[in-house]
Amino acid sequence: MKGLQLPWRLKMVALRERAERTRIRVIRAAHTAFVQRGYTGTRMTDVATAAGVAVQTVYFIFHTKPELLAACYDHAFLGDDNPKPRPSTSC
């Protein structure tokens, strides 16, 4: 039975990696748009087109334009390899 679990786990890893690559692609496209057009001049549809994804994908990942801007800010300071630290839930 363990032989059947390995391909499933590999598929999950591949899906996570693909999702992360898509997320980075959207952030980079958004960064370029924010720099060129400013916040108010940037539309989510333009970001989606530049990233090669559907606008629904952008909204699914980031929910709102302010959240997308925050992700761009984090990416600019933390880079691709340093995910944003999660807030501590302890007091």
PDB file of N, CA and C in Angstrom:
ATOM      1  N   MET A   1       0.802  -1.204   0.000  1.00  0.00           N
ATOM      2  CA  MET A   1       0.000   0.000   0.000  1.00  0.00           C
ATOM      3  C   MET A   1       0.846   1.270   0.000  1.00  0.00           C
ATOM      4  N   LYS A   2       2.018   1.235   0.630  1.00  0.00           N
ATOM      5  CA  LYS A   2       2.842   2.438   0.692  1.00  0.00           C
ATOM      6  C   LYS A   2       3.297   2.870  -0.697  1.00  0.00           C
ATOM      7  N   GLY A   3       3.436   1.941  -1.612  1.00  0.00           N
ATOM      8  CA  GLY A   3       3.835   2.278  -2.976  1.00  0.00           C
ATOM      9  C   GLY A   3       2.823   3.171  -3.669  1.00  0.00           C
ATOM     10  N   LEU A   4       1.559   3.064  -3.299  1.00  0.00           N
ATOM     11  CA  LEU A   4       0.521   3.897  -3.899  1.00  0.00           C
ATOM     12  C   LEU A   4       0.529   5.317  -3.341  1.00  0.00           C
ATOM     13  N   GLN A   5       1.050   5.521  -2.148  1.00  0.00           N
ATOM     14  CA  GLN A   5       1.028   6.844  -1.532  1.00  0.00           C
ATOM     15  C   GLN A   5       2.088   7.767  -2.126  1.00  0.00           C
ATOM     16  N   LEU A   6       3.192   7.253  -2.571  1.00  0.00           N
ATOM     17  CA  LEU A   6       4.265   8.089  -3.078  1.00  0.00           C
ATOM     18  C   LEU A   6       3.843   8.933  -4.283  1.00  0.00           C
ATOM     19  N   PRO A   7       3.245   8.371  -5.329  1.00  0.00           N
ATOM     20  CA  PRO A   7       2.832   9.209  -6.450  1.00  0.00           C
ATOM     21  C   PRO A   7       1.832  10.293  -6.031  1.00  0.00           C
ATOM     22  N   TRP A   8       0.922   9.973  -5.130  1.00  0.00           N
ATOM     23  CA  TRP A   8      -0.051  10.951  -4.655  1.00  0.00           C
ATOM     24  C   TRP A   8       0.661  12.104  -3.968  1.00  0.00           C
ATOM     25  N   ARG A   9       1.635  11.789  -3.124  1.00  0.00           N
ATOM     26  CA  ARG A   9       2.386  12.847  -2.423  1.00  0.00           C
ATOM     27  C   ARG A   9       3.202  13.673  -3.404  1.00  0.00           C
ATOM     28  N   LEU A  10       3.779  13.029  -4.394  1.00  0.00           N
ATOM     29  CA  LEU A  10       4.539  13.765  -5.400  1.00  0.00           C
ATOM     30  C   LEU A  10       3.630  14.712  -6.179  1.00  0.00           C
ATOM     31  N   LYS A  11       2.410  14.271  -6.474  1.00  0.00           N
ATOM     32  CA  LYS A  11       1.466  15.132  -7.170  1.00  0.00           C
ATOM     33  C   LYS A  11       1.108  16.346  -6.319  1.00  0.00           C
ATOM     34  N   MET A  12       0.932  16.136  -5.026  1.00  0.00           N
ATOM     35  CA  MET A  12       0.599  17.249  -4.131  1.00  0.00           C
ATOM     36  C   MET A  12       1.749  18.248  -4.062  1.00  0.00           C
ATOM     37  N   VAL A  13       2.967  17.755  -4.002  1.00  0.00           N
ATOM     38  CA  VAL A  13       4.140  18.636  -3.977  1.00  0.00           C
ATOM     39  C   VAL A  13       4.200  19.431  -5.277  1.00  0.00           C
ATOM     40  N   ALA A  14       3.965  18.756  -6.387  1.00  0.00           N
ATOM     41  CA  ALA A  14       3.991  19.430  -7.690  1.00  0.00           C
ATOM     42  C   ALA A  14       2.912  20.502  -7.770  1.00  0.00           C
ATOM     43  N   LEU A  15       1.729  20.215  -7.248  1.00  0.00           N
ATOM     44  CA  LEU A  15       0.650  21.210  -7.259  1.00  0.00           C
ATOM     45  C   LEU A  15       0.994  22.416  -6.392  1.00  0.00           C
ATOM     46  N   ARG A  16       1.588  22.177  -5.233  1.00  0.00           N
ATOM     47  CA  ARG A  16       1.990  23.292  -4.360  1.00  0.00           C
ATOM     48  C   ARG A  16       3.051  24.155  -5.031  1.00  0.00           C
ATOM     49  N   GLU A  17       4.010  23.505  -5.665  1.00  0.00           N
ATOM     50  CA  GLU A  17       5.064  24.250  -6.349  1.00  0.00           C
ATOM     51  C   GLU A  17       4.493  25.075  -7.502  1.00  0.00           C
ATOM     52  N   ARG A  18       3.569  24.498  -8.242  1.00  0.00           N
ATOM     53  CA  ARG A  18       2.927  25.219  -9.346  1.00  0.00           C
ATOM     54  C   ARG A  18       2.121  26.402  -8.819  1.00  0.00           C
ATOM     55  N   ALA A  19       1.411  26.211  -7.726  1.00  0.00           N
ATOM     56  CA  ALA A  19       0.646  27.299  -7.132  1.00  0.00           C
ATOM     57  C   ALA A  19       1.564  28.422  -6.666  1.00  0.00           C
ATOM     58  N   GLU A  20       2.697  28.068  -6.080  1.00  0.00           N
ATOM     59  CA  GLU A  20       3.651  29.082  -5.625  1.00  0.00           C
ATOM     60  C   GLU A  20       4.253  29.832  -6.806  1.00  0.00           C
ATOM     61  N   ARG A  21       4.559  29.125  -7.884  1.00  0.00           N
ATOM     62  CA  ARG A  21       5.080  29.800  -9.083  1.00  0.00           C
ATOM     63  C   ARG A  21       4.047  30.762  -9.658  1.00  0.00           C
ATOM     64  N   THR A  22       2.787  30.363  -9.655  1.00  0.00           N
ATOM     65  CA  THR A  22       1.720  31.240 -10.133  1.00  0.00           C
ATOM     66  C   THR A  22       1.607  32.469  -9.242  1.00  0.00           C
ATOM     67  N   ARG A  23       1.655  32.264  -7.942  1.00  0.00           N
ATOM     68  CA  ARG A  23       1.568  33.374  -6.981  1.00  0.00           C
ATOM     69  C   ARG A  23       2.697  34.377  -7.218  1.00  0.00           C
ATOM     70  N   ILE A  24       3.917  33.892  -7.416  1.00  0.00           N
ATOM     71  CA  ILE A  24       5.067  34.760  -7.660  1.00  0.00           C
ATOM     72  C   ILE A  24       4.900  35.497  -8.986  1.00  0.00           C
ATOM     73  N   ARG A  25       4.413  34.800 -10.008  1.00  0.00           N
ATOM     74  CA  ARG A  25       4.194  35.431 -11.309  1.00  0.00           C
ATOM     75  C   ARG A  25       3.192  36.586 -11.200  1.00  0.00           C
ATOM     76  N   VAL A  26       2.123  36.382 -10.433  1.00  0.00           N
ATOM     77  CA  VAL A  26       1.120  37.433 -10.238  1.00  0.00           C
ATOM     78  C   VAL A  26       1.722  38.601  -9.463  1.00  0.00           C
ATOM     79  N   ILE A  27       2.489  38.316  -8.439  1.00  0.00           N
ATOM     80  CA  ILE A  27       3.114  39.385  -7.653  1.00  0.00           C
ATOM     81  C   ILE A  27       4.058  40.205  -8.519  1.00  0.00           C
ATOM     82  N   ARG A  28       4.859  39.554  -9.336  1.00  0.00           N
ATOM     83  CA  ARG A  28       5.784  40.285 -10.210  1.00  0.00           C
ATOM     84  C   ARG A  28       5.037  41.139 -11.225  1.00  0.00           C
ATOM     85  N   ALA A  29       3.967  40.598 -11.787  1.00  0.00           N
ATOM     86  CA  ALA A  29       3.159  41.375 -12.740  1.00  0.00           C
ATOM     87  C   ALA A  29       2.519  42.568 -12.050  1.00  0.00           C
ATOM     88  N   ALA A  30       2.035  42.356 -10.843  1.00  0.00           N
ATOM     89  CA  ALA A  30       1.414  43.447 -10.086  1.00  0.00           C
ATOM     90  C   ALA A  30       2.450  44.509  -9.733  1.00  0.00           C
ATOM     91  N   HIS A  31       3.624  44.089  -9.332  1.00  0.00           N
ATOM     92  CA  HIS A  31       4.694  45.036  -8.997  1.00  0.00           C
ATOM     93  C   HIS A  31       4.997  45.941 -10.189  1.00  0.00           C
ATOM     94  N   THR A  32       5.153  45.341 -11.345  1.00  0.00           N
ATOM     95  CA  THR A  32       5.425  46.109 -12.561  1.00  0.00           C
ATOM     96  C   THR A  32       4.291  47.096 -12.839  1.00  0.00           C
ATOM     97  N   ALA A  33       3.066  46.636 -12.712  1.00  0.00           N
ATOM     98  CA  ALA A  33       1.909  47.509 -12.968  1.00  0.00           C
ATOM     99  C   ALA A  33       1.839  48.644 -11.954  1.00  0.00           C
ATOM    100  N   PHE A  34       2.060  48.352 -10.678  1.00  0.00           N
ATOM    101  CA  PHE A  34       2.015  49.400  -9.654  1.00  0.00           C
ATOM    102  C   PHE A  34       3.106  50.438  -9.893  1.00  0.00           C
ATOM    103  N   VAL A  35       4.287  50.010 -10.308  1.00  0.00           N
ATOM    104  CA  VAL A  35       5.382  50.945 -10.568  1.00  0.00           C
ATOM    105  C   VAL A  35       5.063  51.808 -11.790  1.00  0.00           C
ATOM    106  N   GLN A  36       4.542  51.195 -12.845  1.00  0.00           N
ATOM    107  CA  GLN A  36       4.291  51.921 -14.089  1.00  0.00           C
ATOM    108  C   GLN A  36       3.042  52.808 -14.022  1.00  0.00           C
ATOM    109  N   ARG A  37       1.974  52.320 -13.394  1.00  0.00           N
ATOM    110  CA  ARG A  37       0.685  53.014 -13.441  1.00  0.00           C
ATOM    111  C   ARG A  37       0.217  53.574 -12.114  1.00  0.00           C
ATOM    112  N   GLY A  38       0.903  53.197 -11.039  1.00  0.00           N
ATOM    113  CA  GLY A  38       0.439  53.605  -9.721  1.00  0.00           C
ATOM    114  C   GLY A  38      -0.674  52.694  -9.234  1.00  0.00           C
ATOM    115  N   TYR A  39      -1.043  52.879  -7.978  1.00  0.00           N
ATOM    116  CA  TYR A  39      -2.058  52.014  -7.368  1.00  0.00           C
ATOM    117  C   TYR A  39      -3.414  52.180  -8.047  1.00  0.00           C
ATOM    118  N   THR A  40      -3.854  53.421  -8.199  1.00  0.00           N
ATOM    119  CA  THR A  40      -5.198  53.644  -8.755  1.00  0.00           C
ATOM    120  C   THR A  40      -5.271  53.313 -10.239  1.00  0.00           C
ATOM    121  N   GLY A  41      -4.155  53.397 -10.950  1.00  0.00           N
ATOM    122  CA  GLY A  41      -4.158  53.095 -12.376  1.00  0.00           C
ATOM    123  C   GLY A  41      -4.011  51.618 -12.698  1.00  0.00           C
ATOM    124  N   THR A  42      -3.746  50.824 -11.703  1.00  0.00           N
ATOM    125  CA  THR A  42      -3.572  49.380 -11.900  1.00  0.00           C
ATOM    126  C   THR A  42      -4.892  48.671 -11.690  1.00  0.00           C
ATOM    127  N   ARG A  43      -5.284  47.890 -12.686  1.00  0.00           N
ATOM    128  CA  ARG A  43      -6.508  47.091 -12.580  1.00  0.00           C
ATOM    129  C   ARG A  43      -6.134  45.622 -12.401  1.00  0.00           C
ATOM    130  N   MET A  44      -6.951  44.929 -11.667  1.00  0.00           N
ATOM    131  CA  MET A  44      -6.698  43.504 -11.427  1.00  0.00           C
ATOM    132  C   MET A  44      -6.700  42.720 -12.740  1.00  0.00           C
ATOM    133  N   THR A  45      -7.531  43.133 -13.700  1.00  0.00           N
ATOM    134  CA  THR A  45      -7.560  42.440 -14.987  1.00  0.00           C
ATOM    135  C   THR A  45      -6.242  42.620 -15.731  1.00  0.00           C
ATOM    136  N   ASP A  46      -5.622  43.798 -15.607  1.00  0.00           N
ATOM    137  CA  ASP A  46      -4.328  44.022 -16.250  1.00  0.00           C
ATOM    138  C   ASP A  46      -3.245  43.149 -15.621  1.00  0.00           C
ATOM    139  N   VAL A  47      -3.286  43.025 -14.309  1.00  0.00           N
ATOM    140  CA  VAL A  47      -2.327  42.167 -13.604  1.00  0.00           C
ATOM    141  C   VAL A  47      -2.501  40.720 -14.054  1.00  0.00           C
ATOM    142  N   ALA A  48      -3.741  40.269 -14.125  1.00  0.00           N
ATOM    143  CA  ALA A  48      -4.017  38.890 -14.540  1.00  0.00           C
ATOM    144  C   ALA A  48      -3.508  38.631 -15.955  1.00  0.00           C
ATOM    145  N   THR A  49      -3.785  39.553 -16.858  1.00  0.00           N
ATOM    146  CA  THR A  49      -3.333  39.391 -18.236  1.00  0.00           C
ATOM    147  C   THR A  49      -1.813  39.326 -18.310  1.00  0.00           C
ATOM    148  N   ALA A  50      -1.142  40.231 -17.603  1.00  0.00           N
ATOM    149  CA  ALA A  50       0.327  40.245 -17.610  1.00  0.00           C
ATOM    150  C   ALA A  50       0.917  38.970 -16.999  1.00  0.00           C
ATOM    151  N   ALA A  51       0.228  38.397 -16.016  1.00  0.00           N
ATOM    152  CA  ALA A  51       0.706  37.175 -15.370  1.00  0.00           C
ATOM    153  C   ALA A  51       0.309  35.918 -16.134  1.00  0.00           C
ATOM    154  N   GLY A  52      -0.583  36.055 -17.103  1.00  0.00           N
ATOM    155  CA  GLY A  52      -1.022  34.897 -17.877  1.00  0.00           C
ATOM    156  C   GLY A  52      -2.013  34.011 -17.146  1.00  0.00           C
ATOM    157  N   VAL A  53      -2.826  34.635 -16.279  1.00  0.00           N
ATOM    158  CA  VAL A  53      -3.846  33.884 -15.536  1.00  0.00           C
ATOM    159  C   VAL A  53      -5.189  34.594 -15.672  1.00  0.00           C
ATOM    160  N   ALA A  54      -6.232  33.936 -15.261  1.00  0.00           N
ATOM    161  CA  ALA A  54      -7.558  34.547 -15.248  1.00  0.00           C
ATOM    162  C   ALA A  54      -7.659  35.503 -14.061  1.00  0.00           C
ATOM    163  N   VAL A  55      -8.459  36.539 -14.211  1.00  0.00           N
ATOM    164  CA  VAL A  55      -8.630  37.504 -13.123  1.00  0.00           C
ATOM    165  C   VAL A  55      -9.185  36.818 -11.872  1.00  0.00           C
ATOM    166  N   GLN A  56      -9.969  35.772 -12.061  1.00  0.00           N
ATOM    167  CA  GLN A  56     -10.499  35.025 -10.920  1.00  0.00           C
ATOM    168  C   GLN A  56      -9.367  34.397 -10.110  1.00  0.00           C
ATOM    169  N   THR A  57      -8.299  34.006 -10.785  1.00  0.00           N
ATOM    170  CA  THR A  57      -7.145  33.435 -10.091  1.00  0.00           C
ATOM    171  C   THR A  57      -6.505  34.477  -9.187  1.00  0.00           C
ATOM    172  N   VAL A  58      -6.373  35.693  -9.681  1.00  0.00           N
ATOM    173  CA  VAL A  58      -5.790  36.772  -8.877  1.00  0.00           C
ATOM    174  C   VAL A  58      -6.646  37.011  -7.640  1.00  0.00           C
ATOM    175  N   TYR A  59      -7.962  37.082  -7.827  1.00  0.00           N
ATOM    176  CA  TYR A  59      -8.852  37.295  -6.685  1.00  0.00           C
ATOM    177  C   TYR A  59      -8.852  36.102  -5.730  1.00  0.00           C
ATOM    178  N   PHE A  60      -8.733  34.893  -6.270  1.00  0.00           N
ATOM    179  CA  PHE A  60      -8.705  33.706  -5.414  1.00  0.00           C
ATOM    180  C   PHE A  60      -7.479  33.715  -4.507  1.00  0.00           C
ATOM    181  N   ILE A  61      -6.339  34.115  -5.075  1.00  0.00           N
ATOM    182  CA  ILE A  61      -5.095  34.106  -4.309  1.00  0.00           C
ATOM    183  C   ILE A  61      -5.034  35.272  -3.324  1.00  0.00           C
ATOM    184  N   PHE A  62      -5.401  36.481  -3.779  1.00  0.00           N
ATOM    185  CA  PHE A  62      -5.164  37.685  -2.981  1.00  0.00           C
ATOM    186  C   PHE A  62      -6.431  38.359  -2.458  1.00  0.00           C
ATOM    187  N   HIS A  63      -7.584  38.019  -2.974  1.00  0.00           N
ATOM    188  CA  HIS A  63      -8.890  38.508  -2.511  1.00  0.00           C
ATOM    189  C   HIS A  63      -9.159  39.962  -2.878  1.00  0.00           C
ATOM    190  N   THR A  64      -8.249  40.876  -2.587  1.00  0.00           N
ATOM    191  CA  THR A  64      -8.485  42.292  -2.844  1.00  0.00           C
ATOM    192  C   THR A  64      -7.216  42.949  -3.377  1.00  0.00           C
ATOM    193  N   LYS A  65      -7.376  44.099  -3.979  1.00  0.00           N
ATOM    194  CA  LYS A  65      -6.227  44.853  -4.472  1.00  0.00           C
ATOM    195  C   LYS A  65      -5.300  45.306  -3.340  1.00  0.00           C
ATOM    196  N   PRO A  66      -5.836  45.756  -2.196  1.00  0.00           N
ATOM    197  CA  PRO A  66      -4.928  46.082  -1.087  1.00  0.00           C
ATOM    198  C   PRO A  66      -4.100  44.882  -0.608  1.00  0.00           C
ATOM    199  N   GLU A  67      -4.681  43.689  -0.600  1.00  0.00           N
ATOM    200  CA  GLU A  67      -3.921  42.499  -0.210  1.00  0.00           C
ATOM    201  C   GLU A  67      -2.846  42.170  -1.242  1.00  0.00           C
ATOM    202  N   LEU A  68      -3.145  42.403  -2.511  1.00  0.00           N
ATOM    203  CA  LEU A  68      -2.149  42.194  -3.563  1.00  0.00           C
ATOM    204  C   LEU A  68      -0.999  43.190  -3.395  1.00  0.00           C
ATOM    205  N   LEU A  69      -1.315  44.435  -3.105  1.00  0.00           N
ATOM    206  CA  LEU A  69      -0.270  45.432  -2.867  1.00  0.00           C
ATOM    207  C   LEU A  69       0.593  45.039  -1.667  1.00  0.00           C
ATOM    208  N   ALA A  70      -0.030  44.558  -0.613  1.00  0.00           N
ATOM    209  CA  ALA A  70       0.717  44.113   0.579  1.00  0.00           C
ATOM    210  C   ALA A  70       1.642  42.950   0.223  1.00  0.00           C
ATOM    211  N   ALA A  71       1.179  42.041  -0.609  1.00  0.00           N
ATOM    212  CA  ALA A  71       2.016  40.908  -1.032  1.00  0.00           C
ATOM    213  C   ALA A  71       3.202  41.404  -1.861  1.00  0.00           C
ATOM    214  N   CYS A  72       2.981  42.415  -2.691  1.00  0.00           N
ATOM    215  CA  CYS A  72       4.076  43.004  -3.476  1.00  0.00           C
ATOM    216  C   CYS A  72       5.103  43.643  -2.553  1.00  0.00           C
ATOM    217  N   TYR A  73       4.623  44.342  -1.559  1.00  0.00           N
ATOM    218  CA  TYR A  73       5.494  44.981  -0.573  1.00  0.00           C
ATOM    219  C   TYR A  73       6.331  43.921   0.155  1.00  0.00           C
ATOM    220  N   ASP A  74       5.678  42.891   0.637  1.00  0.00           N
ATOM    221  CA  ASP A  74       6.386  41.808   1.333  1.00  0.00           C
ATOM    222  C   ASP A  74       7.417  41.152   0.418  1.00  0.00           C
ATOM    223  N   HIS A  75       7.021  40.897  -0.813  1.00  0.00           N
ATOM    224  CA  HIS A  75       7.924  40.255  -1.767  1.00  0.00           C
ATOM    225  C   HIS A  75       9.130  41.136  -2.052  1.00  0.00           C
ATOM    226  N   ALA A  76       8.916  42.441  -2.146  1.00  0.00           N
ATOM    227  CA  ALA A  76      10.020  43.362  -2.425  1.00  0.00           C
ATOM    228  C   ALA A  76      11.051  43.341  -1.295  1.00  0.00           C
ATOM    229  N   PHE A  77      10.593  43.211  -0.074  1.00  0.00           N
ATOM    230  CA  PHE A  77      11.505  43.242   1.071  1.00  0.00           C
ATOM    231  C   PHE A  77      12.010  41.866   1.494  1.00  0.00           C
ATOM    232  N   LEU A  78      11.178  40.847   1.324  1.00  0.00           N
ATOM    233  CA  LEU A  78      11.554  39.512   1.790  1.00  0.00           C
ATOM    234  C   LEU A  78      12.061  38.599   0.682  1.00  0.00           C
ATOM    235  N   GLY A  79      11.692  38.870  -0.560  1.00  0.00           N
ATOM    236  CA  GLY A  79      12.128  38.063  -1.691  1.00  0.00           C
ATOM    237  C   GLY A  79      11.302  36.800  -1.883  1.00  0.00           C
ATOM    238  N   ASP A  80      11.696  36.024  -2.892  1.00  0.00           N
ATOM    239  CA  ASP A  80      10.980  34.787  -3.234  1.00  0.00           C
ATOM    240  C   ASP A  80      11.160  33.695  -2.191  1.00  0.00           C
ATOM    241  N   ASP A  81      12.354  33.622  -1.628  1.00  0.00           N
ATOM    242  CA  ASP A  81      12.693  32.492  -0.772  1.00  0.00           C
ATOM    243  C   ASP A  81      12.365  32.700   0.698  1.00  0.00           C
ATOM    244  N   ASN A  82      11.910  33.875   1.065  1.00  0.00           N
ATOM    245  CA  ASN A  82      11.628  34.182   2.460  1.00  0.00           C
ATOM    246  C   ASN A  82      10.147  34.507   2.651  1.00  0.00           C
ATOM    247  N   PRO A  83       9.348  33.500   2.944  1.00  0.00           N
ATOM    248  CA  PRO A  83       7.928  33.774   3.124  1.00  0.00           C
ATOM    249  C   PRO A  83       7.691  34.714   4.302  1.00  0.00           C
ATOM    250  N   LYS A  84       6.589  35.419   4.237  1.00  0.00           N
ATOM    251  CA  LYS A  84       6.228  36.351   5.289  1.00  0.00           C
ATOM    252  C   LYS A  84       6.063  35.589   6.613  1.00  0.00           C
ATOM    253  N   PRO A  85       6.685  36.078   7.690  1.00  0.00           N
ATOM    254  CA  PRO A  85       6.510  35.417   8.982  1.00  0.00           C
ATOM    255  C   PRO A  85       5.049  35.494   9.412  1.00  0.00           C
ATOM    256  N   ARG A  86       4.580  34.425   9.991  1.00  0.00           N
ATOM    257  CA  ARG A  86       3.199  34.405  10.470  1.00  0.00           C
ATOM    258  C   ARG A  86       3.144  35.042  11.851  1.00  0.00           C
ATOM    259  N   PRO A  87       2.076  35.801  12.109  1.00  0.00           N
ATOM    260  CA  PRO A  87       1.963  36.411  13.422  1.00  0.00           C
ATOM    261  C   PRO A  87       1.825  35.354  14.511  1.00  0.00           C
ATOM    262  N   SER A  88       2.383  35.639  15.647  1.00  0.00           N
ATOM    263  CA  SER A  88       2.309  34.720  16.774  1.00  0.00           C
ATOM    264  C   SER A  88       0.901  34.747  17.359  1.00  0.00           C
ATOM    265  N   THR A  89       0.382  33.558  17.693  1.00  0.00           N
ATOM    266  CA  THR A  89      -0.960  33.489  18.261  1.00  0.00           C
ATOM    267  C   THR A  89      -0.918  33.447  19.783  1.00  0.00           C
ATOM    268  N   SER A  90       0.282  33.329  20.341  1.00  0.00           N
ATOM    269  CA  SER A  90       0.373  33.284  21.808  1.00  0.00           C
ATOM    270  C   SER A  90       0.462  34.700  22.365  1.00  0.00           C
ATOM    271  N   CYS A  91       0.075  34.850  23.615  1.00  0.00           N
ATOM    272  CA  CYS A  91       0.095  36.169  24.249  1.00  0.00           C
ATOM    273  C   CYS A  91       1.408  36.488  24.866  1.00  0.00           C
TER     274      CYS A  91
END
